[in-house]
Amino acid sequence: MEKNIFWKDSGVSLNDRSKIFGHKSLCLWLTGLSGAGKTTIAHELEKLFYEKKILSYILDGDNVRHGLNKDLSFDIADRKENIRRVAEVSKIMVDAGFIAIVSFISPFEEDRNLARSLFKNHQFIEVFIDTSLDECERRDPKGLYVQARLGKIKNFTGIDSKYESPKNPEVHIKTNLTSSVESAQQIFNAIKNFIL
């Protein structure tokens, strides 16, 4: 890092922001295969938080690649950089007092651990959106699995690039057992003691 760059703390603490907003902040990191339901559940969470007057914002994998990370490819190195950048943005959002809802495949445990390392205790909640590959392929909302199976998309998670399932996520959602609304409520129930 450049030796003439220094971190400058804000004059307003996170505790001060929490008092104004009426809740604490944290990062909800939703991970799972493409088509697992991460984005759908993230939007249900956002609605639930809004109803409860809790500030939140979704960082979605596709959306972030339209701007902040549009210069990145899908090779392994750029996928790691994609996660690193989003983790840093999430950290800033948490410091600003928001619930950062991160909806990224984030297939590698090492990258998720790097993201977790940026946060204090109980500020990072890993949520495994657990859906079988068969079910994700059946849903295939964007037609990506078909293209990957035909060899038109390379390094596609679950097909020719591995997905490392979380070993000890704070929240484990099995989408074959719960609807997106029920999943959002389950996540909220798991974190409410940390934020209220």
N, C-alpha and C. Protein backbone atom coordinates (compact mmCIF):
# COMPACT_ATOMS: atom_id res chain seq x y z
N MET A 1 0.84 -1.19 0.00
CA MET A 1 0.00 0.00 0.00
C MET A 1 0.88 1.24 0.00
N GLU A 2 0.41 2.27 -0.66
CA GLU A 2 1.14 3.53 -0.71
C GLU A 2 1.37 4.06 0.70
N LYS A 3 2.62 4.42 1.03
CA LYS A 3 2.95 4.81 2.41
C LYS A 3 2.39 6.17 2.80
N ASN A 4 1.94 6.96 1.83
CA ASN A 4 1.40 8.28 2.14
C ASN A 4 -0.13 8.30 2.21
N ILE A 5 -0.74 7.12 2.27
CA ILE A 5 -2.19 7.02 2.39
C ILE A 5 -2.52 6.60 3.81
N PHE A 6 -3.36 7.37 4.47
CA PHE A 6 -3.69 7.10 5.87
C PHE A 6 -5.20 6.97 6.04
N TRP A 7 -5.61 6.06 6.92
CA TRP A 7 -7.03 5.88 7.23
C TRP A 7 -7.50 7.02 8.13
N LYS A 8 -8.63 7.61 7.80
CA LYS A 8 -9.20 8.70 8.60
C LYS A 8 -10.54 8.24 9.15
N ASP A 9 -10.62 8.09 10.48
CA ASP A 9 -11.87 7.70 11.11
C ASP A 9 -12.91 8.81 11.00
N SER A 10 -14.16 8.38 10.94
CA SER A 10 -15.28 9.32 10.90
C SER A 10 -15.45 9.98 12.26
N GLY A 11 -16.00 11.18 12.27
CA GLY A 11 -16.30 11.85 13.53
C GLY A 11 -17.59 11.35 14.16
N VAL A 12 -18.32 10.52 13.41
CA VAL A 12 -19.57 9.93 13.90
C VAL A 12 -19.34 8.42 14.01
N SER A 13 -19.53 7.89 15.20
CA SER A 13 -19.25 6.46 15.41
C SER A 13 -20.39 5.59 14.92
N LEU A 14 -20.09 4.32 14.72
CA LEU A 14 -21.13 3.36 14.35
C LEU A 14 -22.18 3.27 15.45
N ASN A 15 -21.76 3.37 16.69
CA ASN A 15 -22.70 3.35 17.82
C ASN A 15 -23.65 4.55 17.74
N ASP A 16 -23.11 5.72 17.36
CA ASP A 16 -23.95 6.92 17.18
C ASP A 16 -24.98 6.68 16.08
N ARG A 17 -24.55 6.10 14.98
CA ARG A 17 -25.47 5.84 13.87
C ARG A 17 -26.55 4.84 14.29
N SER A 18 -26.15 3.83 15.04
CA SER A 18 -27.11 2.82 15.51
C SER A 18 -28.21 3.46 16.36
N LYS A 19 -27.82 4.44 17.17
CA LYS A 19 -28.82 5.13 18.01
C LYS A 19 -29.81 5.91 17.16
N ILE A 20 -29.32 6.55 16.11
CA ILE A 20 -30.20 7.31 15.22
C ILE A 20 -31.13 6.37 14.44
N PHE A 21 -30.55 5.30 13.90
CA PHE A 21 -31.32 4.40 13.04
C PHE A 21 -32.21 3.44 13.82
N GLY A 22 -31.88 3.20 15.09
CA GLY A 22 -32.69 2.30 15.92
C GLY A 22 -32.36 0.83 15.72
N HIS A 23 -31.25 0.56 15.07
CA HIS A 23 -30.80 -0.82 14.89
C HIS A 23 -29.30 -0.84 14.64
N LYS A 24 -28.70 -2.00 14.86
CA LYS A 24 -27.28 -2.19 14.56
C LYS A 24 -27.15 -2.66 13.12
N SER A 25 -25.94 -2.61 12.61
CA SER A 25 -25.70 -3.00 11.22
C SER A 25 -24.91 -4.29 11.16
N LEU A 26 -25.01 -4.94 10.01
CA LEU A 26 -24.20 -6.13 9.76
C LEU A 26 -24.26 -6.48 8.28
N CYS A 27 -23.44 -7.45 7.90
CA CYS A 27 -23.40 -7.94 6.53
C CYS A 27 -24.03 -9.33 6.49
N LEU A 28 -25.07 -9.47 5.69
CA LEU A 28 -25.68 -10.78 5.43
C LEU A 28 -25.12 -11.27 4.11
N TRP A 29 -24.30 -12.30 4.15
CA TRP A 29 -23.62 -12.78 2.94
C TRP A 29 -24.33 -14.04 2.45
N LEU A 30 -25.18 -13.89 1.41
CA LEU A 30 -25.92 -15.01 0.84
C LEU A 30 -25.07 -15.68 -0.23
N THR A 31 -24.77 -16.95 -0.05
CA THR A 31 -23.96 -17.70 -1.00
C THR A 31 -24.71 -18.95 -1.44
N GLY A 32 -24.50 -19.35 -2.67
CA GLY A 32 -25.14 -20.55 -3.20
C GLY A 32 -25.00 -20.55 -4.72
N LEU A 33 -25.37 -21.65 -5.32
CA LEU A 33 -25.26 -21.78 -6.77
C LEU A 33 -26.14 -20.78 -7.50
N SER A 34 -25.83 -20.56 -8.77
CA SER A 34 -26.69 -19.76 -9.63
C SER A 34 -28.05 -20.45 -9.71
N GLY A 35 -29.11 -19.69 -9.49
CA GLY A 35 -30.46 -20.26 -9.52
C GLY A 35 -30.93 -20.82 -8.19
N ALA A 36 -30.10 -20.69 -7.15
CA ALA A 36 -30.46 -21.24 -5.84
C ALA A 36 -31.59 -20.45 -5.17
N GLY A 37 -31.73 -19.18 -5.53
CA GLY A 37 -32.76 -18.34 -4.93
C GLY A 37 -32.21 -17.19 -4.12
N LYS A 38 -30.93 -16.91 -4.23
CA LYS A 38 -30.29 -15.86 -3.44
C LYS A 38 -30.94 -14.49 -3.67
N THR A 39 -31.09 -14.13 -4.93
CA THR A 39 -31.64 -12.81 -5.26
C THR A 39 -33.09 -12.69 -4.80
N THR A 40 -33.87 -13.71 -5.04
CA THR A 40 -35.28 -13.70 -4.62
C THR A 40 -35.39 -13.55 -3.11
N ILE A 41 -34.59 -14.30 -2.38
CA ILE A 41 -34.61 -14.23 -0.91
C ILE A 41 -34.09 -12.86 -0.45
N ALA A 42 -33.06 -12.34 -1.13
CA ALA A 42 -32.52 -11.02 -0.78
C ALA A 42 -33.62 -9.95 -0.89
N HIS A 43 -34.42 -10.03 -1.94
CA HIS A 43 -35.49 -9.04 -2.12
C HIS A 43 -36.59 -9.21 -1.08
N GLU A 44 -36.87 -10.43 -0.67
CA GLU A 44 -37.83 -10.65 0.41
C GLU A 44 -37.29 -10.09 1.73
N LEU A 45 -36.00 -10.26 1.95
CA LEU A 45 -35.37 -9.69 3.14
C LEU A 45 -35.46 -8.18 3.13
N GLU A 46 -35.17 -7.58 1.98
CA GLU A 46 -35.21 -6.13 1.87
C GLU A 46 -36.61 -5.61 2.21
N LYS A 47 -37.65 -6.28 1.71
CA LYS A 47 -39.02 -5.87 2.02
C LYS A 47 -39.31 -6.01 3.51
N LEU A 48 -38.85 -7.11 4.09
CA LEU A 48 -39.06 -7.36 5.52
C LEU A 48 -38.38 -6.29 6.37
N PHE A 49 -37.14 -5.96 6.01
CA PHE A 49 -36.42 -4.90 6.73
C PHE A 49 -37.14 -3.55 6.58
N TYR A 50 -37.60 -3.27 5.38
CA TYR A 50 -38.30 -2.00 5.14
C TYR A 50 -39.54 -1.90 6.03
N GLU A 51 -40.30 -2.98 6.11
CA GLU A 51 -41.50 -3.00 6.95
C GLU A 51 -41.16 -2.75 8.41
N LYS A 52 -39.97 -3.17 8.82
CA LYS A 52 -39.55 -3.02 10.21
C LYS A 52 -38.71 -1.75 10.42
N LYS A 53 -38.65 -0.92 9.38
CA LYS A 53 -37.90 0.35 9.43
C LYS A 53 -36.41 0.13 9.72
N ILE A 54 -35.87 -0.90 9.10
CA ILE A 54 -34.44 -1.22 9.20
C ILE A 54 -33.79 -0.91 7.86
N LEU A 55 -32.75 -0.07 7.89
CA LEU A 55 -32.06 0.32 6.66
C LEU A 55 -31.25 -0.85 6.09
N SER A 56 -31.51 -1.16 4.84
CA SER A 56 -30.75 -2.24 4.19
C SER A 56 -30.56 -1.90 2.72
N TYR A 57 -29.60 -2.58 2.11
CA TYR A 57 -29.37 -2.42 0.69
C TYR A 57 -28.79 -3.71 0.14
N ILE A 58 -29.26 -4.10 -1.04
CA ILE A 58 -28.79 -5.34 -1.67
C ILE A 58 -27.62 -5.05 -2.61
N LEU A 59 -26.55 -5.79 -2.43
CA LEU A 59 -25.45 -5.82 -3.39
C LEU A 59 -25.59 -7.15 -4.13
N ASP A 60 -26.06 -7.08 -5.37
CA ASP A 60 -26.33 -8.28 -6.17
C ASP A 60 -25.20 -8.49 -7.17
N GLY A 61 -24.84 -9.74 -7.37
CA GLY A 61 -23.73 -10.07 -8.25
C GLY A 61 -23.85 -9.48 -9.64
N ASP A 62 -25.02 -9.62 -10.25
CA ASP A 62 -25.21 -9.08 -11.60
C ASP A 62 -25.16 -7.56 -11.60
N ASN A 63 -25.83 -6.93 -10.64
CA ASN A 63 -25.88 -5.47 -10.60
C ASN A 63 -24.48 -4.87 -10.43
N VAL A 64 -23.68 -5.45 -9.57
CA VAL A 64 -22.35 -4.91 -9.30
C VAL A 64 -21.46 -5.01 -10.54
N ARG A 65 -21.71 -6.03 -11.37
CA ARG A 65 -20.90 -6.18 -12.59
C ARG A 65 -21.31 -5.19 -13.69
N HIS A 66 -22.39 -4.44 -13.47
CA HIS A 66 -22.76 -3.38 -14.42
C HIS A 66 -21.94 -2.12 -14.19
N GLY A 67 -21.37 -1.97 -13.00
CA GLY A 67 -20.63 -0.75 -12.70
C GLY A 67 -19.30 -1.01 -12.04
N LEU A 68 -19.32 -1.13 -10.71
CA LEU A 68 -18.10 -1.27 -9.91
C LEU A 68 -17.16 -2.34 -10.47
N ASN A 69 -17.70 -3.49 -10.86
CA ASN A 69 -16.86 -4.60 -11.28
C ASN A 69 -17.01 -4.96 -12.77
N LYS A 70 -17.41 -3.99 -13.57
CA LYS A 70 -17.62 -4.28 -14.99
C LYS A 70 -16.31 -4.59 -15.73
N ASP A 71 -15.18 -4.26 -15.12
CA ASP A 71 -13.88 -4.52 -15.75
C ASP A 71 -13.38 -5.94 -15.48
N LEU A 72 -14.14 -6.73 -14.71
CA LEU A 72 -13.67 -8.06 -14.32
C LEU A 72 -14.29 -9.16 -15.19
N SER A 73 -13.47 -10.17 -15.50
CA SER A 73 -13.95 -11.33 -16.25
C SER A 73 -14.46 -12.38 -15.25
N PHE A 74 -14.66 -13.59 -15.74
CA PHE A 74 -15.11 -14.67 -14.87
C PHE A 74 -14.02 -15.72 -14.65
N ASP A 75 -12.76 -15.35 -14.93
CA ASP A 75 -11.69 -16.29 -14.60
C ASP A 75 -11.49 -16.28 -13.08
N ILE A 76 -10.71 -17.21 -12.57
CA ILE A 76 -10.58 -17.40 -11.12
C ILE A 76 -10.05 -16.13 -10.45
N ALA A 77 -9.02 -15.52 -11.01
CA ALA A 77 -8.42 -14.33 -10.39
C ALA A 77 -9.43 -13.18 -10.31
N ASP A 78 -10.17 -12.96 -11.38
CA ASP A 78 -11.14 -11.87 -11.38
C ASP A 78 -12.35 -12.18 -10.51
N ARG A 79 -12.71 -13.44 -10.39
CA ARG A 79 -13.81 -13.79 -9.50
C ARG A 79 -13.41 -13.51 -8.04
N LYS A 80 -12.16 -13.77 -7.72
CA LYS A 80 -11.67 -13.46 -6.37
C LYS A 80 -11.67 -11.95 -6.13
N GLU A 81 -11.24 -11.19 -7.13
CA GLU A 81 -11.24 -9.74 -7.00
C GLU A 81 -12.66 -9.19 -6.89
N ASN A 82 -13.58 -9.80 -7.60
CA ASN A 82 -14.99 -9.43 -7.53
C ASN A 82 -15.49 -9.52 -6.08
N ILE A 83 -15.17 -10.62 -5.42
CA ILE A 83 -15.60 -10.82 -4.03
C ILE A 83 -14.86 -9.86 -3.10
N ARG A 84 -13.58 -9.64 -3.32
CA ARG A 84 -12.81 -8.74 -2.46
C ARG A 84 -13.39 -7.33 -2.50
N ARG A 85 -13.69 -6.84 -3.69
CA ARG A 85 -14.24 -5.49 -3.82
C ARG A 85 -15.60 -5.38 -3.12
N VAL A 86 -16.45 -6.38 -3.34
CA VAL A 86 -17.78 -6.33 -2.73
C VAL A 86 -17.69 -6.42 -1.21
N ALA A 87 -16.75 -7.20 -0.71
CA ALA A 87 -16.56 -7.28 0.74
C ALA A 87 -16.15 -5.92 1.29
N GLU A 88 -15.28 -5.21 0.59
CA GLU A 88 -14.85 -3.88 1.04
C GLU A 88 -16.01 -2.88 1.02
N VAL A 89 -16.83 -2.93 -0.03
CA VAL A 89 -18.00 -2.05 -0.10
C VAL A 89 -18.97 -2.39 1.02
N SER A 90 -19.15 -3.68 1.28
CA SER A 90 -20.05 -4.11 2.36
C SER A 90 -19.58 -3.59 3.71
N LYS A 91 -18.27 -3.62 3.90
CA LYS A 91 -17.70 -3.11 5.15
C LYS A 91 -18.04 -1.64 5.34
N ILE A 92 -17.93 -0.86 4.27
CA ILE A 92 -18.26 0.56 4.33
C ILE A 92 -19.75 0.75 4.64
N MET A 93 -20.60 -0.06 4.00
CA MET A 93 -22.04 0.04 4.25
C MET A 93 -22.39 -0.29 5.70
N VAL A 94 -21.73 -1.31 6.25
CA VAL A 94 -21.96 -1.67 7.65
C VAL A 94 -21.50 -0.55 8.56
N ASP A 95 -20.37 0.06 8.23
CA ASP A 95 -19.88 1.18 9.03
C ASP A 95 -20.83 2.38 8.95
N ALA A 96 -21.55 2.50 7.83
CA ALA A 96 -22.52 3.59 7.66
C ALA A 96 -23.83 3.30 8.38
N GLY A 97 -23.99 2.06 8.90
CA GLY A 97 -25.18 1.73 9.69
C GLY A 97 -26.21 0.89 8.98
N PHE A 98 -25.90 0.40 7.78
CA PHE A 98 -26.84 -0.38 7.00
C PHE A 98 -26.72 -1.89 7.27
N ILE A 99 -27.77 -2.61 6.92
CA ILE A 99 -27.68 -4.05 6.76
C ILE A 99 -27.30 -4.24 5.29
N ALA A 100 -26.10 -4.73 5.03
CA ALA A 100 -25.67 -5.02 3.67
C ALA A 100 -26.11 -6.44 3.34
N ILE A 101 -26.97 -6.57 2.36
CA ILE A 101 -27.42 -7.90 1.91
C ILE A 101 -26.63 -8.23 0.66
N VAL A 102 -25.68 -9.12 0.78
CA VAL A 102 -24.80 -9.48 -0.33
C VAL A 102 -25.30 -10.78 -0.94
N SER A 103 -25.63 -10.72 -2.23
CA SER A 103 -26.17 -11.89 -2.93
C SER A 103 -25.20 -12.26 -4.05
N PHE A 104 -24.22 -13.11 -3.71
CA PHE A 104 -23.17 -13.50 -4.64
C PHE A 104 -22.96 -15.01 -4.56
N ILE A 105 -22.71 -15.65 -5.67
CA ILE A 105 -22.40 -17.08 -5.65
C ILE A 105 -21.24 -17.32 -4.69
N SER A 106 -20.21 -16.50 -4.79
CA SER A 106 -19.00 -16.60 -3.95
C SER A 106 -18.65 -18.06 -3.66
N PRO A 107 -18.17 -18.78 -4.69
CA PRO A 107 -18.02 -20.24 -4.59
C PRO A 107 -16.87 -20.73 -3.72
N PHE A 108 -15.90 -19.86 -3.43
CA PHE A 108 -14.70 -20.35 -2.76
C PHE A 108 -14.67 -19.95 -1.29
N GLU A 109 -14.44 -20.93 -0.45
CA GLU A 109 -14.39 -20.71 1.00
C GLU A 109 -13.34 -19.67 1.36
N GLU A 110 -12.20 -19.71 0.71
CA GLU A 110 -11.12 -18.76 0.99
C GLU A 110 -11.59 -17.31 0.82
N ASP A 111 -12.37 -17.06 -0.23
CA ASP A 111 -12.86 -15.71 -0.50
C ASP A 111 -13.90 -15.29 0.52
N ARG A 112 -14.78 -16.20 0.90
CA ARG A 112 -15.79 -15.89 1.93
C ARG A 112 -15.11 -15.63 3.27
N ASN A 113 -14.05 -16.37 3.56
CA ASN A 113 -13.30 -16.14 4.80
C ASN A 113 -12.60 -14.79 4.78
N LEU A 114 -12.09 -14.41 3.61
CA LEU A 114 -11.47 -13.09 3.48
C LEU A 114 -12.51 -12.00 3.76
N ALA A 115 -13.71 -12.16 3.21
CA ALA A 115 -14.78 -11.20 3.46
C ALA A 115 -15.09 -11.13 4.95
N ARG A 116 -15.23 -12.29 5.57
CA ARG A 116 -15.54 -12.34 7.00
C ARG A 116 -14.48 -11.63 7.84
N SER A 117 -13.22 -11.74 7.42
CA SER A 117 -12.11 -11.17 8.21
C SER A 117 -12.17 -9.65 8.30
N LEU A 118 -12.93 -9.00 7.44
CA LEU A 118 -13.03 -7.54 7.45
C LEU A 118 -13.97 -7.02 8.53
N PHE A 119 -14.75 -7.93 9.12
CA PHE A 119 -15.80 -7.51 10.03
C PHE A 119 -15.52 -7.93 11.47
N LYS A 120 -16.14 -7.21 12.40
CA LYS A 120 -16.07 -7.57 13.81
C LYS A 120 -17.02 -8.72 14.09
N ASN A 121 -16.91 -9.26 15.29
CA ASN A 121 -17.76 -10.37 15.72
C ASN A 121 -19.24 -10.01 15.57
N HIS A 122 -20.03 -10.89 15.01
CA HIS A 122 -21.48 -10.73 14.79
C HIS A 122 -21.82 -9.67 13.76
N GLN A 123 -20.84 -9.20 12.99
CA GLN A 123 -21.14 -8.25 11.92
C GLN A 123 -21.20 -8.94 10.56
N PHE A 124 -20.80 -10.20 10.50
CA PHE A 124 -20.81 -10.95 9.24
C PHE A 124 -21.58 -12.24 9.47
N ILE A 125 -22.67 -12.40 8.74
CA ILE A 125 -23.51 -13.59 8.87
C ILE A 125 -23.52 -14.29 7.51
N GLU A 126 -22.92 -15.47 7.47
CA GLU A 126 -22.91 -16.25 6.24
C GLU A 126 -24.21 -17.05 6.16
N VAL A 127 -24.92 -16.89 5.03
CA VAL A 127 -26.19 -17.57 4.81
C VAL A 127 -26.02 -18.48 3.60
N PHE A 128 -26.08 -19.78 3.83
CA PHE A 128 -25.94 -20.75 2.75
C PHE A 128 -27.33 -21.03 2.17
N ILE A 129 -27.55 -20.58 0.94
CA ILE A 129 -28.80 -20.87 0.24
C ILE A 129 -28.56 -22.19 -0.49
N ASP A 130 -28.97 -23.25 0.17
CA ASP A 130 -28.65 -24.61 -0.22
C ASP A 130 -29.72 -25.19 -1.15
N THR A 131 -29.35 -25.31 -2.42
CA THR A 131 -30.25 -25.85 -3.43
C THR A 131 -29.43 -26.81 -4.28
N SER A 132 -29.98 -27.97 -4.59
CA SER A 132 -29.22 -28.95 -5.36
C SER A 132 -28.92 -28.43 -6.76
N LEU A 133 -27.84 -28.93 -7.34
CA LEU A 133 -27.49 -28.56 -8.70
C LEU A 133 -28.62 -28.93 -9.65
N ASP A 134 -29.22 -30.09 -9.46
CA ASP A 134 -30.34 -30.51 -10.32
C ASP A 134 -31.47 -29.51 -10.29
N GLU A 135 -31.82 -29.03 -9.09
CA GLU A 135 -32.90 -28.06 -8.97
C GLU A 135 -32.52 -26.73 -9.60
N CYS A 136 -31.27 -26.30 -9.41
CA CYS A 136 -30.81 -25.05 -10.03
C CYS A 136 -30.86 -25.15 -11.55
N GLU A 137 -30.47 -26.30 -12.07
CA GLU A 137 -30.53 -26.50 -13.52
C GLU A 137 -31.97 -26.56 -14.01
N ARG A 138 -32.85 -27.12 -13.21
CA ARG A 138 -34.26 -27.19 -13.59
C ARG A 138 -34.84 -25.77 -13.67
N ARG A 139 -34.48 -24.93 -12.69
CA ARG A 139 -34.97 -23.55 -12.68
C ARG A 139 -34.33 -22.75 -13.81
N ASP A 140 -33.00 -22.74 -13.83
CA ASP A 140 -32.17 -22.05 -14.83
C ASP A 140 -32.83 -20.78 -15.39
N PRO A 141 -33.12 -19.80 -14.52
CA PRO A 141 -33.88 -18.62 -14.95
C PRO A 141 -33.22 -17.82 -16.07
N LYS A 142 -31.91 -17.89 -16.18
CA LYS A 142 -31.21 -17.11 -17.21
C LYS A 142 -30.72 -17.98 -18.37
N GLY A 143 -30.97 -19.28 -18.30
CA GLY A 143 -30.49 -20.18 -19.35
C GLY A 143 -28.99 -20.40 -19.32
N LEU A 144 -28.37 -20.14 -18.17
CA LEU A 144 -26.91 -20.21 -18.09
C LEU A 144 -26.40 -21.65 -18.02
N TYR A 145 -27.13 -22.51 -17.32
CA TYR A 145 -26.68 -23.90 -17.21
C TYR A 145 -26.68 -24.58 -18.57
N VAL A 146 -27.71 -24.31 -19.36
CA VAL A 146 -27.77 -24.88 -20.72
C VAL A 146 -26.56 -24.44 -21.52
N GLN A 147 -26.25 -23.14 -21.45
CA GLN A 147 -25.09 -22.64 -22.20
C GLN A 147 -23.79 -23.24 -21.67
N ALA A 148 -23.69 -23.39 -20.35
CA ALA A 148 -22.48 -23.99 -19.76
C ALA A 148 -22.34 -25.44 -20.18
N ARG A 149 -23.43 -26.18 -20.19
CA ARG A 149 -23.40 -27.59 -20.61
C ARG A 149 -23.00 -27.73 -22.08
N LEU A 150 -23.34 -26.71 -22.88
CA LEU A 150 -22.97 -26.72 -24.30
C LEU A 150 -21.56 -26.19 -24.55
N GLY A 151 -20.89 -25.76 -23.46
CA GLY A 151 -19.53 -25.25 -23.58
C GLY A 151 -19.45 -23.80 -24.02
N LYS A 152 -20.60 -23.11 -24.05
CA LYS A 152 -20.61 -21.70 -24.47
C LYS A 152 -20.20 -20.76 -23.35
N ILE A 153 -20.32 -21.21 -22.10
CA ILE A 153 -19.86 -20.43 -20.95
C ILE A 153 -18.81 -21.27 -20.23
N LYS A 154 -17.65 -20.70 -20.01
CA LYS A 154 -16.56 -21.40 -19.32
C LYS A 154 -16.50 -20.95 -17.86
N ASN A 155 -15.90 -21.79 -17.03
CA ASN A 155 -15.73 -21.50 -15.59
C ASN A 155 -17.07 -21.24 -14.90
N PHE A 156 -18.08 -22.02 -15.26
CA PHE A 156 -19.39 -21.83 -14.67
C PHE A 156 -19.52 -22.69 -13.41
N THR A 157 -19.85 -22.05 -12.30
CA THR A 157 -19.90 -22.73 -11.01
C THR A 157 -20.91 -23.87 -11.03
N GLY A 158 -20.45 -25.03 -10.60
CA GLY A 158 -21.30 -26.22 -10.55
C GLY A 158 -21.14 -27.10 -11.77
N ILE A 159 -20.61 -26.54 -12.86
CA ILE A 159 -20.42 -27.31 -14.09
C ILE A 159 -18.93 -27.58 -14.31
N ASP A 160 -18.17 -26.55 -14.66
CA ASP A 160 -16.72 -26.76 -14.84
C ASP A 160 -15.88 -25.92 -13.87
N SER A 161 -16.54 -25.39 -12.86
CA SER A 161 -15.84 -24.70 -11.78
C SER A 161 -16.54 -25.10 -10.48
N LYS A 162 -15.77 -25.42 -9.47
CA LYS A 162 -16.35 -25.99 -8.25
C LYS A 162 -17.04 -24.95 -7.38
N TYR A 163 -17.98 -25.44 -6.58
CA TYR A 163 -18.60 -24.65 -5.52
C TYR A 163 -18.27 -25.32 -4.20
N GLU A 164 -17.63 -24.57 -3.30
CA GLU A 164 -17.27 -25.10 -1.99
C GLU A 164 -18.35 -24.69 -0.99
N SER A 165 -19.19 -25.64 -0.64
CA SER A 165 -20.28 -25.35 0.28
C SER A 165 -19.74 -24.90 1.63
N PRO A 166 -20.40 -23.90 2.26
CA PRO A 166 -19.96 -23.46 3.59
C PRO A 166 -20.00 -24.61 4.59
N LYS A 167 -18.97 -24.70 5.42
CA LYS A 167 -18.91 -25.77 6.42
C LYS A 167 -19.71 -25.43 7.67
N ASN A 168 -19.67 -24.17 8.08
CA ASN A 168 -20.37 -23.75 9.30
C ASN A 168 -21.06 -22.41 9.11
N PRO A 169 -22.02 -22.32 8.20
CA PRO A 169 -22.70 -21.03 8.03
C PRO A 169 -23.54 -20.71 9.26
N GLU A 170 -23.69 -19.43 9.54
CA GLU A 170 -24.56 -19.04 10.65
C GLU A 170 -26.01 -19.40 10.38
N VAL A 171 -26.40 -19.33 9.10
CA VAL A 171 -27.77 -19.68 8.70
C VAL A 171 -27.71 -20.61 7.49
N HIS A 172 -28.48 -21.68 7.55
CA HIS A 172 -28.51 -22.67 6.47
C HIS A 172 -29.96 -22.80 5.99
N ILE A 173 -30.21 -22.32 4.77
CA ILE A 173 -31.56 -22.35 4.20
C ILE A 173 -31.62 -23.45 3.14
N LYS A 174 -32.54 -24.37 3.31
CA LYS A 174 -32.76 -25.41 2.30
C LYS A 174 -34.02 -25.03 1.53
N THR A 175 -33.82 -24.55 0.31
CA THR A 175 -34.94 -23.98 -0.42
C THR A 175 -35.96 -25.00 -0.88
N ASN A 176 -35.61 -26.29 -0.80
CA ASN A 176 -36.62 -27.30 -1.12
C ASN A 176 -37.63 -27.45 0.02
N LEU A 177 -37.32 -26.87 1.18
CA LEU A 177 -38.19 -26.99 2.34
C LEU A 177 -38.92 -25.70 2.70
N THR A 178 -38.42 -24.55 2.20
CA THR A 178 -39.02 -23.28 2.58
C THR A 178 -39.21 -22.37 1.37
N SER A 179 -40.25 -21.56 1.40
CA SER A 179 -40.48 -20.57 0.36
C SER A 179 -39.51 -19.41 0.57
N SER A 180 -39.45 -18.50 -0.40
CA SER A 180 -38.57 -17.34 -0.26
C SER A 180 -39.00 -16.45 0.90
N VAL A 181 -40.31 -16.32 1.10
CA VAL A 181 -40.81 -15.51 2.22
C VAL A 181 -40.44 -16.17 3.55
N GLU A 182 -40.63 -17.48 3.64
CA GLU A 182 -40.27 -18.20 4.87
C GLU A 182 -38.76 -18.16 5.10
N SER A 183 -38.00 -18.23 4.02
CA SER A 183 -36.53 -18.18 4.14
C SER A 183 -36.09 -16.83 4.69
N ALA A 184 -36.68 -15.74 4.18
CA ALA A 184 -36.35 -14.41 4.67
C ALA A 184 -36.68 -14.28 6.15
N GLN A 185 -37.82 -14.81 6.55
CA GLN A 185 -38.21 -14.74 7.96
C GLN A 185 -37.26 -15.55 8.82
N GLN A 186 -36.83 -16.70 8.31
CA GLN A 186 -35.89 -17.55 9.04
C GLN A 186 -34.56 -16.82 9.25
N ILE A 187 -34.10 -16.12 8.22
CA ILE A 187 -32.86 -15.35 8.33
C ILE A 187 -33.04 -14.22 9.34
N PHE A 188 -34.15 -13.50 9.24
CA PHE A 188 -34.40 -12.41 10.17
C PHE A 188 -34.42 -12.92 11.62
N ASN A 189 -35.09 -14.03 11.84
CA ASN A 189 -35.17 -14.60 13.20
C ASN A 189 -33.78 -14.94 13.73
N ALA A 190 -32.89 -15.36 12.83
CA ALA A 190 -31.53 -15.75 13.24
C ALA A 190 -30.67 -14.54 13.61
N ILE A 191 -30.99 -13.37 13.05
CA ILE A 191 -30.11 -12.20 13.28
C ILE A 191 -30.73 -11.12 14.15
N LYS A 192 -32.00 -11.22 14.46
CA LYS A 192 -32.66 -10.08 15.12
C LYS A 192 -32.02 -9.71 16.45
N ASN A 193 -31.47 -10.68 17.17
CA ASN A 193 -30.83 -10.35 18.44
C ASN A 193 -29.54 -9.57 18.25
N PHE A 194 -28.95 -9.64 17.06
CA PHE A 194 -27.72 -8.90 16.78
C PHE A 194 -27.98 -7.48 16.33
N ILE A 195 -29.19 -7.21 15.83
CA ILE A 195 -29.45 -5.88 15.25
C ILE A 195 -30.45 -5.04 16.02
N LEU A 196 -31.27 -5.66 16.85
CA LEU A 196 -32.31 -4.88 17.57
C LEU A 196 -31.96 -4.70 19.05
